[in-house]
Amino acid sequence: MSNNSKSTEKKTIHTTISEESSEILDKYASIEDENGEKIFGNKSKVIEKALELLDEYYTPQKGDMNTIWNRAREELNMVLVGKTTFLAYISGDHTKAFKENIAVDILEWYARMSIEDMDLMEIVESIRNVWLAANYFYKIDIEVGNKGSLQLSFYHDMHSLAYSEYWGRYFTTLLQKQKKCQVEMFPRSESLILRIN
């Protein structure tokens, strides 16, 4: 029997499921796309898709790169690091990363505009979104103060003052260079506050 005929071969199963599971199965079997056509068509297709997702979950090596990264980020608490920054880290002088990094490239890629065309709020919002996605912080708050001043509060679970100090210097260097800002840095072992004028 060829692989093609094996993949299209169907098996009949009989099982009992809870009322709640039955309602979920009905819900997904009846979902329609924007043209009013059923996405799955029937309960069998819903079950096949659910099994496919379950198999991907328990065998991450079968997932695509996005799935693998999302799981590694959530389950292993991994962070995303640019190659230039990584090379600065391993050079033995981590302070090189303050100037030898791709932060501007990342922000321009994310915002889809040049850093020169971004105002300060667009830059800090991009920093918040990208650095959260990269898993360096679990929360970043932006507060607007009097006369346009900003306060960024970064929260992390590294329990390290050095970690907060590192990112404080990193962002201070970036903001001072790109927007000629005055930045005050207040690092703590689980948080970092930047006051920007």
Protein backbone atom coordinates (compact mmCIF):
# COMPACT_ATOMS: atom_id res chain seq x y z
CA MET A 1 0.00 0.00 0.00
CA SER A 2 1.44 3.42 -0.94
CA ASN A 3 1.83 6.30 1.53
CA ASN A 4 -0.86 8.28 -0.31
CA SER A 5 -3.50 5.59 0.04
CA LYS A 6 -2.58 5.08 3.70
CA SER A 7 -3.02 8.80 4.50
CA THR A 8 -6.52 8.84 2.96
CA GLU A 9 -7.63 5.59 4.58
CA LYS A 10 -10.34 6.21 7.19
CA LYS A 11 -10.98 4.29 10.39
CA THR A 12 -14.27 4.12 12.22
CA ILE A 13 -14.23 4.68 15.98
CA HIS A 14 -17.07 4.69 18.48
CA THR A 15 -16.68 6.54 21.76
CA THR A 16 -18.55 8.35 24.50
CA ILE A 17 -17.73 11.93 25.45
CA SER A 18 -19.04 14.35 28.04
CA GLU A 19 -21.85 16.80 27.30
CA GLU A 20 -19.36 19.67 27.54
CA SER A 21 -17.00 18.03 25.03
CA SER A 22 -19.91 17.35 22.71
CA GLU A 23 -20.91 21.03 22.81
CA ILE A 24 -17.34 22.07 21.99
CA LEU A 25 -17.25 19.59 19.10
CA ASP A 26 -20.56 20.93 17.75
CA LYS A 27 -19.33 24.51 18.10
CA TYR A 28 -16.23 23.94 16.00
CA ALA A 29 -17.99 21.72 13.49
CA SER A 30 -20.40 24.57 12.73
CA ILE A 31 -17.85 27.45 12.52
CA GLU A 32 -18.04 29.27 9.19
CA ASP A 33 -15.56 31.40 7.28
CA GLU A 34 -16.31 34.89 5.90
CA ASN A 35 -18.09 33.29 2.89
CA GLY A 36 -20.50 31.36 5.10
CA GLU A 37 -18.87 27.98 4.39
CA LYS A 38 -18.06 25.58 7.19
CA ILE A 39 -14.34 25.59 7.98
CA PHE A 40 -14.14 21.97 9.07
CA GLY A 41 -17.31 20.63 7.52
CA ASN A 42 -17.97 17.88 10.04
CA LYS A 43 -17.06 16.55 13.47
CA SER A 44 -14.51 14.11 12.09
CA LYS A 45 -12.45 16.96 10.64
CA VAL A 46 -12.60 18.81 13.98
CA ILE A 47 -11.32 15.71 15.79
CA GLU A 48 -8.53 15.25 13.22
CA LYS A 49 -7.43 18.89 13.65
CA ALA A 50 -7.57 18.59 17.45
CA LEU A 51 -5.40 15.46 17.31
CA GLU A 52 -2.94 17.21 15.01
CA LEU A 53 -2.62 20.11 17.50
CA LEU A 54 -2.30 17.69 20.42
CA ASP A 55 0.45 15.81 18.59
CA GLU A 56 2.30 19.09 17.90
CA TYR A 57 2.01 20.02 21.57
CA TYR A 58 3.51 16.77 22.84
CA THR A 59 6.10 16.49 20.06
CA PRO A 60 7.44 20.05 19.65
CA GLN A 61 10.02 18.87 17.13
CA LYS A 62 7.12 18.53 14.67
CA GLY A 63 6.10 22.18 15.09
CA ASP A 64 7.13 25.07 12.88
CA MET A 65 9.69 27.62 14.09
CA ASN A 66 7.03 29.98 15.48
CA THR A 67 5.43 27.21 17.51
CA ILE A 68 8.80 26.07 18.84
CA TRP A 69 9.79 29.63 19.82
CA ASN A 70 6.45 30.33 21.52
CA ARG A 71 6.67 27.13 23.54
CA ALA A 72 10.33 27.68 24.45
CA ARG A 73 9.51 31.23 25.55
CA GLU A 74 6.56 30.18 27.70
CA GLU A 75 7.69 26.81 29.02
CA LEU A 76 11.47 27.29 29.28
CA ASN A 77 11.52 31.07 29.90
CA MET A 78 13.95 31.60 27.02
CA VAL A 79 14.77 35.03 25.62
CA LEU A 80 15.35 36.23 22.09
CA VAL A 81 18.73 37.88 21.47
CA GLY A 82 20.16 39.50 18.35
CA LYS A 83 23.39 38.04 16.98
CA THR A 84 25.28 41.34 17.27
CA THR A 85 24.24 41.72 20.91
CA PHE A 86 25.11 38.10 21.62
CA LEU A 87 28.59 38.56 20.16
CA ALA A 88 29.02 41.63 22.37
CA TYR A 89 28.00 39.54 25.41
CA ILE A 90 30.54 36.80 24.74
CA SER A 91 33.36 39.21 23.90
CA GLY A 92 34.07 39.46 27.62
CA ASP A 93 32.97 43.09 27.74
CA HIS A 94 29.18 43.17 27.97
CA THR A 95 29.22 46.99 27.84
CA LYS A 96 30.00 46.70 24.11
CA ALA A 97 26.36 45.65 23.70
CA PHE A 98 25.27 49.18 24.63
CA LYS A 99 26.64 50.41 21.30
CA GLU A 100 27.10 47.20 19.28
CA ASN A 101 23.52 46.02 18.88
CA ILE A 102 20.67 46.08 16.40
CA ALA A 103 18.15 47.95 18.57
CA VAL A 104 17.56 50.63 15.92
CA ASP A 105 17.09 47.98 13.22
CA ILE A 106 14.63 46.11 15.44
CA LEU A 107 12.59 49.22 16.23
CA GLU A 108 12.50 50.29 12.58
CA TRP A 109 11.51 46.77 11.52
CA TYR A 110 8.72 46.68 14.10
CA ALA A 111 7.37 50.20 13.51
CA ARG A 112 7.88 50.06 9.71
CA MET A 113 9.48 53.51 9.68
CA SER A 114 12.92 55.01 10.20
CA ILE A 115 13.96 55.94 13.73
CA GLU A 116 14.29 59.57 12.57
CA ASP A 117 10.57 59.59 11.71
CA MET A 118 9.52 58.07 15.05
CA ASP A 119 8.63 60.34 17.93
CA LEU A 120 9.66 59.45 21.48
CA MET A 121 6.33 57.79 22.31
CA GLU A 122 6.52 55.60 19.18
CA ILE A 123 10.02 54.53 20.20
CA VAL A 124 9.11 53.63 23.78
CA GLU A 125 5.93 51.82 22.70
CA SER A 126 8.00 49.82 20.21
CA ILE A 127 10.56 49.05 22.92
CA ARG A 128 7.74 47.85 25.18
CA ASN A 129 6.20 45.57 22.56
CA VAL A 130 9.42 44.11 21.17
CA TRP A 131 11.14 43.53 24.52
CA LEU A 132 8.02 41.90 25.94
CA ALA A 133 7.85 39.61 22.89
CA ALA A 134 11.54 38.78 23.33
CA ASN A 135 10.74 37.79 26.94
CA TYR A 136 13.22 40.10 28.69
CA PHE A 137 10.41 41.53 30.83
CA TYR A 138 6.94 40.31 31.78
CA LYS A 139 5.46 43.80 32.07
CA ILE A 140 6.42 47.29 30.89
CA ASP A 141 4.32 50.31 31.86
CA ILE A 142 4.51 53.70 30.15
CA GLU A 143 3.28 56.77 32.03
CA VAL A 144 3.09 60.26 30.55
CA GLY A 145 3.92 63.01 33.02
CA ASN A 146 3.89 66.78 33.01
CA LYS A 147 5.27 68.60 29.99
CA GLY A 148 5.65 65.41 27.98
CA SER A 149 7.99 63.58 30.34
CA LEU A 150 7.76 59.79 30.32
CA GLN A 151 8.29 57.11 32.91
CA LEU A 152 8.95 53.55 31.81
CA SER A 153 8.64 50.83 34.44
CA PHE A 154 10.13 47.46 33.46
CA TYR A 155 9.34 44.35 35.52
CA HIS A 156 11.31 41.09 35.30
CA ASP A 157 11.75 37.85 37.21
CA MET A 158 15.55 37.64 37.07
CA HIS A 159 15.99 38.79 40.72
CA SER A 160 19.14 40.65 39.69
CA LEU A 161 20.15 44.26 40.20
CA ALA A 162 22.85 43.77 37.53
CA TYR A 163 20.14 42.76 35.02
CA SER A 164 18.19 45.97 35.69
CA GLU A 165 21.37 48.06 35.55
CA TYR A 166 22.37 46.48 32.24
CA TRP A 167 19.02 47.27 30.57
CA GLY A 168 18.97 50.71 32.13
CA ARG A 169 22.30 51.56 30.53
CA TYR A 170 21.24 49.90 27.26
CA PHE A 171 18.04 51.94 26.89
CA THR A 172 19.65 55.12 28.23
CA THR A 173 22.38 54.88 25.58
CA LEU A 174 19.80 54.23 22.86
CA LEU A 175 17.45 57.07 23.85
CA GLN A 176 20.20 59.61 24.42
CA LYS A 177 21.75 58.86 21.06
CA GLN A 178 18.53 58.75 19.03
CA LYS A 179 16.41 61.45 20.67
CA LYS A 180 18.89 63.44 22.79
CA CYS A 181 16.83 62.69 25.89
CA GLN A 182 17.77 63.17 29.51
CA VAL A 183 17.28 59.80 31.21
CA GLU A 184 17.30 59.02 34.92
CA MET A 185 17.72 55.36 35.81
CA PHE A 186 16.40 53.64 38.96
CA PRO A 187 17.32 49.93 38.92
CA ARG A 188 16.07 47.41 41.47
CA SER A 189 16.51 43.65 41.68
CA GLU A 190 13.15 42.95 40.00
CA SER A 191 12.38 46.21 38.23
CA LEU A 192 13.80 49.18 36.39
CA ILE A 193 12.39 52.68 36.15
CA LEU A 194 13.51 55.13 33.49
CA ARG A 195 12.42 58.77 33.70
CA ILE A 196 12.80 60.47 30.35
CA ASN A 197 12.72 64.19 29.60
